[in-house]
Amino acid sequence: MSTPKNISLIGRRHMSGGNTYHTVVIVVDGEQVHKSERTYGYGDHYVTTAKEWLRDNGYAFDRDTPIVREVSDVRRRKDL
């Protein structure tokens, strides 16, 4: 398992038909390692999506690992 020094999450949310969807870009130690597919979930669910992907792909982190979060709401689905 790899232990990152810092993690950045860049989330985008979009509402469609009363539902909210998101994508998240995951940056580990300054390098983009993943961009998620369009996923159902509102609020901070993009963080859960990112943490699940990190754990599933061998990144070990705990509460002391700095995680920078940035999120924006977009008007168009294609902007996810």
PDB file of N, CA and C in Angstrom:
ATOM      1  N   MET A   1       0.827  -1.188   0.000  1.00  0.00           N
ATOM      2  CA  MET A   1       0.000   0.000   0.000  1.00  0.00           C
ATOM      3  C   MET A   1       0.867   1.245   0.000  1.00  0.00           C
ATOM      4  N   SER A   2       0.409   2.237  -0.716  1.00  0.00           N
ATOM      5  CA  SER A   2       1.085   3.518  -0.791  1.00  0.00           C
ATOM      6  C   SER A   2       0.479   4.468   0.230  1.00  0.00           C
ATOM      7  N   THR A   3       1.331   5.212   0.949  1.00  0.00           N
ATOM      8  CA  THR A   3       0.848   6.174   1.927  1.00  0.00           C
ATOM      9  C   THR A   3       1.109   7.583   1.414  1.00  0.00           C
ATOM     10  N   PRO A   4       0.062   8.278   0.966  1.00  0.00           N
ATOM     11  CA  PRO A   4       0.246   9.627   0.431  1.00  0.00           C
ATOM     12  C   PRO A   4       0.518  10.649   1.528  1.00  0.00           C
ATOM     13  N   LYS A   5       1.270  11.696   1.160  1.00  0.00           N
ATOM     14  CA  LYS A   5       1.528  12.791   2.087  1.00  0.00           C
ATOM     15  C   LYS A   5       0.371  13.781   2.092  1.00  0.00           C
ATOM     16  N   ASN A   6      -0.256  13.974   0.924  1.00  0.00           N
ATOM     17  CA  ASN A   6      -1.458  14.804   0.872  1.00  0.00           C
ATOM     18  C   ASN A   6      -2.342  14.369  -0.285  1.00  0.00           C
ATOM     19  N   ILE A   7      -3.619  14.655  -0.126  1.00  0.00           N
ATOM     20  CA  ILE A   7      -4.636  14.269  -1.108  1.00  0.00           C
ATOM     21  C   ILE A   7      -5.504  15.488  -1.387  1.00  0.00           C
ATOM     22  N   SER A   8      -5.774  15.744  -2.668  1.00  0.00           N
ATOM     23  CA  SER A   8      -6.700  16.807  -3.050  1.00  0.00           C
ATOM     24  C   SER A   8      -7.858  16.185  -3.808  1.00  0.00           C
ATOM     25  N   LEU A   9      -9.058  16.636  -3.490  1.00  0.00           N
ATOM     26  CA  LEU A   9     -10.264  16.154  -4.155  1.00  0.00           C
ATOM     27  C   LEU A   9     -10.960  17.346  -4.805  1.00  0.00           C
ATOM     28  N   ILE A  10     -11.204  17.250  -6.093  1.00  0.00           N
ATOM     29  CA  ILE A  10     -11.876  18.311  -6.830  1.00  0.00           C
ATOM     30  C   ILE A  10     -13.198  17.751  -7.333  1.00  0.00           C
ATOM     31  N   GLY A  11     -14.275  18.123  -6.666  1.00  0.00           N
ATOM     32  CA  GLY A  11     -15.590  17.593  -6.986  1.00  0.00           C
ATOM     33  C   GLY A  11     -16.406  18.555  -7.829  1.00  0.00           C
ATOM     34  N   ARG A  12     -17.292  17.995  -8.631  1.00  0.00           N
ATOM     35  CA  ARG A  12     -18.267  18.762  -9.398  1.00  0.00           C
ATOM     36  C   ARG A  12     -19.615  18.095  -9.233  1.00  0.00           C
ATOM     37  N   ARG A  13     -20.644  18.915  -8.985  1.00  0.00           N
ATOM     38  CA  ARG A  13     -21.997  18.388  -8.800  1.00  0.00           C
ATOM     39  C   ARG A  13     -22.928  18.990  -9.838  1.00  0.00           C
ATOM     40  N   HIS A  14     -23.926  18.198 -10.241  1.00  0.00           N
ATOM     41  CA  HIS A  14     -24.909  18.643 -11.224  1.00  0.00           C
ATOM     42  C   HIS A  14     -26.270  18.067 -10.863  1.00  0.00           C
ATOM     43  N   MET A  15     -27.290  18.919 -10.867  1.00  0.00           N
ATOM     44  CA  MET A  15     -28.656  18.457 -10.615  1.00  0.00           C
ATOM     45  C   MET A  15     -29.355  18.198 -11.937  1.00  0.00           C
ATOM     46  N   SER A  16     -30.047  17.064 -12.001  1.00  0.00           N
ATOM     47  CA  SER A  16     -30.770  16.686 -13.213  1.00  0.00           C
ATOM     48  C   SER A  16     -32.033  15.940 -12.807  1.00  0.00           C
ATOM     49  N   GLY A  17     -33.180  16.470 -13.174  1.00  0.00           N
ATOM     50  CA  GLY A  17     -34.436  15.789 -12.880  1.00  0.00           C
ATOM     51  C   GLY A  17     -34.676  15.562 -11.402  1.00  0.00           C
ATOM     52  N   GLY A  18     -34.220  16.483 -10.554  1.00  0.00           N
ATOM     53  CA  GLY A  18     -34.399  16.343  -9.113  1.00  0.00           C
ATOM     54  C   GLY A  18     -33.347  15.491  -8.430  1.00  0.00           C
ATOM     55  N   ASN A  19     -32.429  14.911  -9.191  1.00  0.00           N
ATOM     56  CA  ASN A  19     -31.344  14.101  -8.627  1.00  0.00           C
ATOM     57  C   ASN A  19     -30.023  14.851  -8.774  1.00  0.00           C
ATOM     58  N   THR A  20     -29.090  14.545  -7.903  1.00  0.00           N
ATOM     59  CA  THR A  20     -27.769  15.164  -7.965  1.00  0.00           C
ATOM     60  C   THR A  20     -26.739  14.096  -8.315  1.00  0.00           C
ATOM     61  N   TYR A  21     -25.851  14.443  -9.238  1.00  0.00           N
ATOM     62  CA  TYR A  21     -24.764  13.570  -9.664  1.00  0.00           C
ATOM     63  C   TYR A  21     -23.451  14.303  -9.457  1.00  0.00           C
ATOM     64  N   HIS A  22     -22.374  13.561  -9.384  1.00  0.00           N
ATOM     65  CA  HIS A  22     -21.076  14.190  -9.183  1.00  0.00           C
ATOM     66  C   HIS A  22     -19.973  13.418  -9.893  1.00  0.00           C
ATOM     67  N   THR A  23     -18.856  14.107 -10.063  1.00  0.00           N
ATOM     68  CA  THR A  23     -17.594  13.477 -10.450  1.00  0.00           C
ATOM     69  C   THR A  23     -16.554  14.002  -9.465  1.00  0.00           C
ATOM     70  N   VAL A  24     -15.440  13.314  -9.368  1.00  0.00           N
ATOM     71  CA  VAL A  24     -14.359  13.785  -8.508  1.00  0.00           C
ATOM     72  C   VAL A  24     -13.022  13.453  -9.158  1.00  0.00           C
ATOM     73  N   VAL A  25     -12.138  14.436  -9.153  1.00  0.00           N
ATOM     74  CA  VAL A  25     -10.755  14.249  -9.588  1.00  0.00           C
ATOM     75  C   VAL A  25      -9.931  14.059  -8.317  1.00  0.00           C
ATOM     76  N   ILE A  26      -9.098  13.020  -8.314  1.00  0.00           N
ATOM     77  CA  ILE A  26      -8.276  12.709  -7.149  1.00  0.00           C
ATOM     78  C   ILE A  26      -6.823  13.000  -7.491  1.00  0.00           C
ATOM     79  N   VAL A  27      -6.199  13.852  -6.667  1.00  0.00           N
ATOM     80  CA  VAL A  27      -4.799  14.222  -6.846  1.00  0.00           C
ATOM     81  C   VAL A  27      -4.045  13.758  -5.604  1.00  0.00           C
ATOM     82  N   VAL A  28      -3.039  12.920  -5.810  1.00  0.00           N
ATOM     83  CA  VAL A  28      -2.240  12.397  -4.702  1.00  0.00           C
ATOM     84  C   VAL A  28      -0.811  12.892  -4.859  1.00  0.00           C
ATOM     85  N   ASP A  29      -0.322  13.572  -3.849  1.00  0.00           N
ATOM     86  CA  ASP A  29       1.035  14.124  -3.850  1.00  0.00           C
ATOM     87  C   ASP A  29       1.336  14.886  -5.140  1.00  0.00           C
ATOM     88  N   GLY A  30       0.376  15.687  -5.579  1.00  0.00           N
ATOM     89  CA  GLY A  30       0.564  16.552  -6.741  1.00  0.00           C
ATOM     90  C   GLY A  30       0.321  15.917  -8.093  1.00  0.00           C
ATOM     91  N   GLU A  31      -0.063  14.647  -8.142  1.00  0.00           N
ATOM     92  CA  GLU A  31      -0.289  13.950  -9.409  1.00  0.00           C
ATOM     93  C   GLU A  31      -1.728  13.440  -9.486  1.00  0.00           C
ATOM     94  N   GLN A  32      -2.420  13.772 -10.595  1.00  0.00           N
ATOM     95  CA  GLN A  32      -3.785  13.273 -10.769  1.00  0.00           C
ATOM     96  C   GLN A  32      -3.733  11.773 -10.998  1.00  0.00           C
ATOM     97  N   VAL A  33      -4.460  11.035 -10.156  1.00  0.00           N
ATOM     98  CA  VAL A  33      -4.445   9.576 -10.258  1.00  0.00           C
ATOM     99  C   VAL A  33      -5.756   9.001 -10.758  1.00  0.00           C
ATOM    100  N   HIS A  34      -6.842   9.809 -10.702  1.00  0.00           N
ATOM    101  CA  HIS A  34      -8.134   9.262 -11.121  1.00  0.00           C
ATOM    102  C   HIS A  34      -9.150  10.372 -11.315  1.00  0.00           C
ATOM    103  N   LYS A  35     -10.073  10.164 -12.272  1.00  0.00           N
ATOM    104  CA  LYS A  35     -11.285  10.978 -12.397  1.00  0.00           C
ATOM    105  C   LYS A  35     -12.444   9.998 -12.461  1.00  0.00           C
ATOM    106  N   SER A  36     -13.378  10.163 -11.560  1.00  0.00           N
ATOM    107  CA  SER A  36     -14.488   9.219 -11.472  1.00  0.00           C
ATOM    108  C   SER A  36     -15.474   9.421 -12.611  1.00  0.00           C
ATOM    109  N   GLU A  37     -16.273   8.410 -12.819  1.00  0.00           N
ATOM    110  CA  GLU A  37     -17.395   8.501 -13.741  1.00  0.00           C
ATOM    111  C   GLU A  37     -18.501   9.307 -13.057  1.00  0.00           C
ATOM    112  N   ARG A  38     -19.498   9.682 -13.798  1.00  0.00           N
ATOM    113  CA  ARG A  38     -20.670  10.364 -13.250  1.00  0.00           C
ATOM    114  C   ARG A  38     -21.359   9.397 -12.277  1.00  0.00           C
ATOM    115  N   THR A  39     -21.550   9.857 -11.044  1.00  0.00           N
ATOM    116  CA  THR A  39     -22.064   9.009  -9.977  1.00  0.00           C
ATOM    117  C   THR A  39     -23.195   9.732  -9.248  1.00  0.00           C
ATOM    118  N   TYR A  40     -24.230   8.993  -8.869  1.00  0.00           N
ATOM    119  CA  TYR A  40     -25.320   9.572  -8.087  1.00  0.00           C
ATOM    120  C   TYR A  40     -24.813   9.894  -6.692  1.00  0.00           C
ATOM    121  N   GLY A  41     -25.180  11.050  -6.183  1.00  0.00           N
ATOM    122  CA  GLY A  41     -24.835  11.422  -4.815  1.00  0.00           C
ATOM    123  C   GLY A  41     -24.801  12.924  -4.662  1.00  0.00           C
ATOM    124  N   TYR A  42     -25.263  13.416  -3.547  1.00  0.00           N
ATOM    125  CA  TYR A  42     -25.375  14.850  -3.311  1.00  0.00           C
ATOM    126  C   TYR A  42     -24.471  15.259  -2.155  1.00  0.00           C
ATOM    127  N   GLY A  43     -24.419  16.548  -1.893  1.00  0.00           N
ATOM    128  CA  GLY A  43     -23.626  17.063  -0.783  1.00  0.00           C
ATOM    129  C   GLY A  43     -22.156  16.694  -0.942  1.00  0.00           C
ATOM    130  N   ASP A  44     -21.595  16.123   0.115  1.00  0.00           N
ATOM    131  CA  ASP A  44     -20.179  15.728   0.109  1.00  0.00           C
ATOM    132  C   ASP A  44     -19.963  14.277  -0.308  1.00  0.00           C
ATOM    133  N   HIS A  45     -20.927  13.692  -1.003  1.00  0.00           N
ATOM    134  CA  HIS A  45     -20.782  12.290  -1.403  1.00  0.00           C
ATOM    135  C   HIS A  45     -19.579  12.072  -2.320  1.00  0.00           C
ATOM    136  N   TYR A  46     -19.134  13.123  -3.011  1.00  0.00           N
ATOM    137  CA  TYR A  46     -17.940  12.997  -3.853  1.00  0.00           C
ATOM    138  C   TYR A  46     -16.724  12.580  -3.020  1.00  0.00           C
ATOM    139  N   VAL A  47     -16.701  12.976  -1.748  1.00  0.00           N
ATOM    140  CA  VAL A  47     -15.598  12.593  -0.853  1.00  0.00           C
ATOM    141  C   VAL A  47     -15.654  11.091  -0.583  1.00  0.00           C
ATOM    142  N   THR A  48     -16.831  10.563  -0.345  1.00  0.00           N
ATOM    143  CA  THR A  48     -16.997   9.126  -0.131  1.00  0.00           C
ATOM    144  C   THR A  48     -16.573   8.346  -1.362  1.00  0.00           C
ATOM    145  N   THR A  49     -16.984   8.817  -2.544  1.00  0.00           N
ATOM    146  CA  THR A  49     -16.589   8.172  -3.801  1.00  0.00           C
ATOM    147  C   THR A  49     -15.070   8.127  -3.912  1.00  0.00           C
ATOM    148  N   ALA A  50     -14.417   9.232  -3.606  1.00  0.00           N
ATOM    149  CA  ALA A  50     -12.952   9.307  -3.700  1.00  0.00           C
ATOM    150  C   ALA A  50     -12.274   8.387  -2.693  1.00  0.00           C
ATOM    151  N   LYS A  51     -12.736   8.393  -1.451  1.00  0.00           N
ATOM    152  CA  LYS A  51     -12.112   7.553  -0.422  1.00  0.00           C
ATOM    153  C   LYS A  51     -12.262   6.065  -0.751  1.00  0.00           C
ATOM    154  N   GLU A  52     -13.419   5.683  -1.273  1.00  0.00           N
ATOM    155  CA  GLU A  52     -13.608   4.280  -1.670  1.00  0.00           C
ATOM    156  C   GLU A  52     -12.623   3.914  -2.783  1.00  0.00           C
ATOM    157  N   TRP A  53     -12.461   4.797  -3.777  1.00  0.00           N
ATOM    158  CA  TRP A  53     -11.537   4.505  -4.871  1.00  0.00           C
ATOM    159  C   TRP A  53     -10.104   4.403  -4.342  1.00  0.00           C
ATOM    160  N   LEU A  54      -9.717   5.322  -3.473  1.00  0.00           N
ATOM    161  CA  LEU A  54      -8.362   5.296  -2.913  1.00  0.00           C
ATOM    162  C   LEU A  54      -8.095   3.987  -2.165  1.00  0.00           C
ATOM    163  N   ARG A  55      -9.028   3.584  -1.322  1.00  0.00           N
ATOM    164  CA  ARG A  55      -8.857   2.329  -0.569  1.00  0.00           C
ATOM    165  C   ARG A  55      -8.806   1.119  -1.507  1.00  0.00           C
ATOM    166  N   ASP A  56      -9.688   1.111  -2.499  1.00  0.00           N
ATOM    167  CA  ASP A  56      -9.742  -0.011  -3.441  1.00  0.00           C
ATOM    168  C   ASP A  56      -8.494  -0.107  -4.312  1.00  0.00           C
ATOM    169  N   ASN A  57      -7.744   0.985  -4.416  1.00  0.00           N
ATOM    170  CA  ASN A  57      -6.576   1.018  -5.287  1.00  0.00           C
ATOM    171  C   ASN A  57      -5.256   1.134  -4.529  1.00  0.00           C
ATOM    172  N   GLY A  58      -5.275   0.738  -3.258  1.00  0.00           N
ATOM    173  CA  GLY A  58      -4.034   0.566  -2.510  1.00  0.00           C
ATOM    174  C   GLY A  58      -3.436   1.798  -1.870  1.00  0.00           C
ATOM    175  N   TYR A  59      -4.213   2.839  -1.652  1.00  0.00           N
ATOM    176  CA  TYR A  59      -3.710   4.018  -0.958  1.00  0.00           C
ATOM    177  C   TYR A  59      -4.137   3.951   0.492  1.00  0.00           C
ATOM    178  N   ALA A  60      -3.162   3.999   1.383  1.00  0.00           N
ATOM    179  CA  ALA A  60      -3.436   3.947   2.817  1.00  0.00           C
ATOM    180  C   ALA A  60      -3.393   5.367   3.368  1.00  0.00           C
ATOM    181  N   PHE A  61      -4.430   5.750   4.075  1.00  0.00           N
ATOM    182  CA  PHE A  61      -4.461   7.070   4.694  1.00  0.00           C
ATOM    183  C   PHE A  61      -5.280   6.998   5.968  1.00  0.00           C
ATOM    184  N   ASP A  62      -5.066   7.958   6.847  1.00  0.00           N
ATOM    185  CA  ASP A  62      -5.825   7.995   8.088  1.00  0.00           C
ATOM    186  C   ASP A  62      -6.297   9.420   8.335  1.00  0.00           C
ATOM    187  N   ARG A  63      -6.789   9.685   9.518  1.00  0.00           N
ATOM    188  CA  ARG A  63      -7.331  11.015   9.840  1.00  0.00           C
ATOM    189  C   ARG A  63      -6.276  12.106   9.792  1.00  0.00           C
ATOM    190  N   ASP A  64      -5.004  11.756   9.931  1.00  0.00           N
ATOM    191  CA  ASP A  64      -3.934  12.749   9.930  1.00  0.00           C
ATOM    192  C   ASP A  64      -3.473  13.121   8.518  1.00  0.00           C
ATOM    193  N   THR A  65      -3.879  12.359   7.517  1.00  0.00           N
ATOM    194  CA  THR A  65      -3.500  12.670   6.140  1.00  0.00           C
ATOM    195  C   THR A  65      -4.279  13.902   5.679  1.00  0.00           C
ATOM    196  N   PRO A  66      -3.572  14.977   5.265  1.00  0.00           N
ATOM    197  CA  PRO A  66      -4.286  16.176   4.814  1.00  0.00           C
ATOM    198  C   PRO A  66      -5.090  15.896   3.543  1.00  0.00           C
ATOM    199  N   ILE A  67      -6.376  16.223   3.578  1.00  0.00           N
ATOM    200  CA  ILE A  67      -7.233  16.081   2.406  1.00  0.00           C
ATOM    201  C   ILE A  67      -7.838  17.452   2.110  1.00  0.00           C
ATOM    202  N   VAL A  68      -7.437  18.019   0.971  1.00  0.00           N
ATOM    203  CA  VAL A  68      -7.969  19.313   0.536  1.00  0.00           C
ATOM    204  C   VAL A  68      -9.179  19.043  -0.337  1.00  0.00           C
ATOM    205  N   ARG A  69     -10.281  19.700  -0.017  1.00  0.00           N
ATOM    206  CA  ARG A  69     -11.531  19.493  -0.752  1.00  0.00           C
ATOM    207  C   ARG A  69     -11.928  20.775  -1.467  1.00  0.00           C
ATOM    208  N   GLU A  70     -12.327  20.616  -2.701  1.00  0.00           N
ATOM    209  CA  GLU A  70     -12.837  21.742  -3.486  1.00  0.00           C
ATOM    210  C   GLU A  70     -14.015  21.209  -4.284  1.00  0.00           C
ATOM    211  N   VAL A  71     -15.130  21.917  -4.257  1.00  0.00           N
ATOM    212  CA  VAL A  71     -16.305  21.446  -4.977  1.00  0.00           C
ATOM    213  C   VAL A  71     -17.003  22.625  -5.637  1.00  0.00           C
ATOM    214  N   SER A  72     -17.571  22.363  -6.806  1.00  0.00           N
ATOM    215  CA  SER A  72     -18.358  23.387  -7.490  1.00  0.00           C
ATOM    216  C   SER A  72     -19.595  22.737  -8.084  1.00  0.00           C
ATOM    217  N   ASP A  73     -20.642  23.532  -8.188  1.00  0.00           N
ATOM    218  CA  ASP A  73     -21.874  23.084  -8.810  1.00  0.00           C
ATOM    219  C   ASP A  73     -21.876  23.591 -10.248  1.00  0.00           C
ATOM    220  N   VAL A  74     -22.155  22.703 -11.184  1.00  0.00           N
ATOM    221  CA  VAL A  74     -22.157  23.066 -12.606  1.00  0.00           C
ATOM    222  C   VAL A  74     -23.566  22.975 -13.152  1.00  0.00           C
ATOM    223  N   ARG A  75     -23.844  23.773 -14.169  1.00  0.00           N
ATOM    224  CA  ARG A  75     -25.189  23.823 -14.742  1.00  0.00           C
ATOM    225  C   ARG A  75     -25.452  22.710 -15.742  1.00  0.00           C
ATOM    226  N   ARG A  76     -24.414  22.324 -16.466  1.00  0.00           N
ATOM    227  CA  ARG A  76     -24.617  21.348 -17.544  1.00  0.00           C
ATOM    228  C   ARG A  76     -23.976  20.002 -17.196  1.00  0.00           C
ATOM    229  N   ARG A  77     -24.640  18.943 -17.590  1.00  0.00           N
ATOM    230  CA  ARG A  77     -24.134  17.593 -17.344  1.00  0.00           C
ATOM    231  C   ARG A  77     -22.757  17.398 -17.982  1.00  0.00           C
ATOM    232  N   LYS A  78     -22.560  17.959 -19.169  1.00  0.00           N
ATOM    233  CA  LYS A  78     -21.271  17.764 -19.841  1.00  0.00           C
ATOM    234  C   LYS A  78     -20.123  18.473 -19.131  1.00  0.00           C
ATOM    235  N   ASP A  79     -20.426  19.363 -18.181  1.00  0.00           N
ATOM    236  CA  ASP A  79     -19.384  20.031 -17.417  1.00  0.00           C
ATOM    237  C   ASP A  79     -18.898  19.215 -16.225  1.00  0.00           C
ATOM    238  N   LEU A  80     -19.526  18.067 -16.002  1.00  0.00           N
ATOM    239  CA  LEU A  80     -19.046  17.183 -14.943  1.00  0.00           C
ATOM    240  C   LEU A  80     -17.709  16.660 -15.384  1.00  0.00           C
TER     241      LEU A  80
END
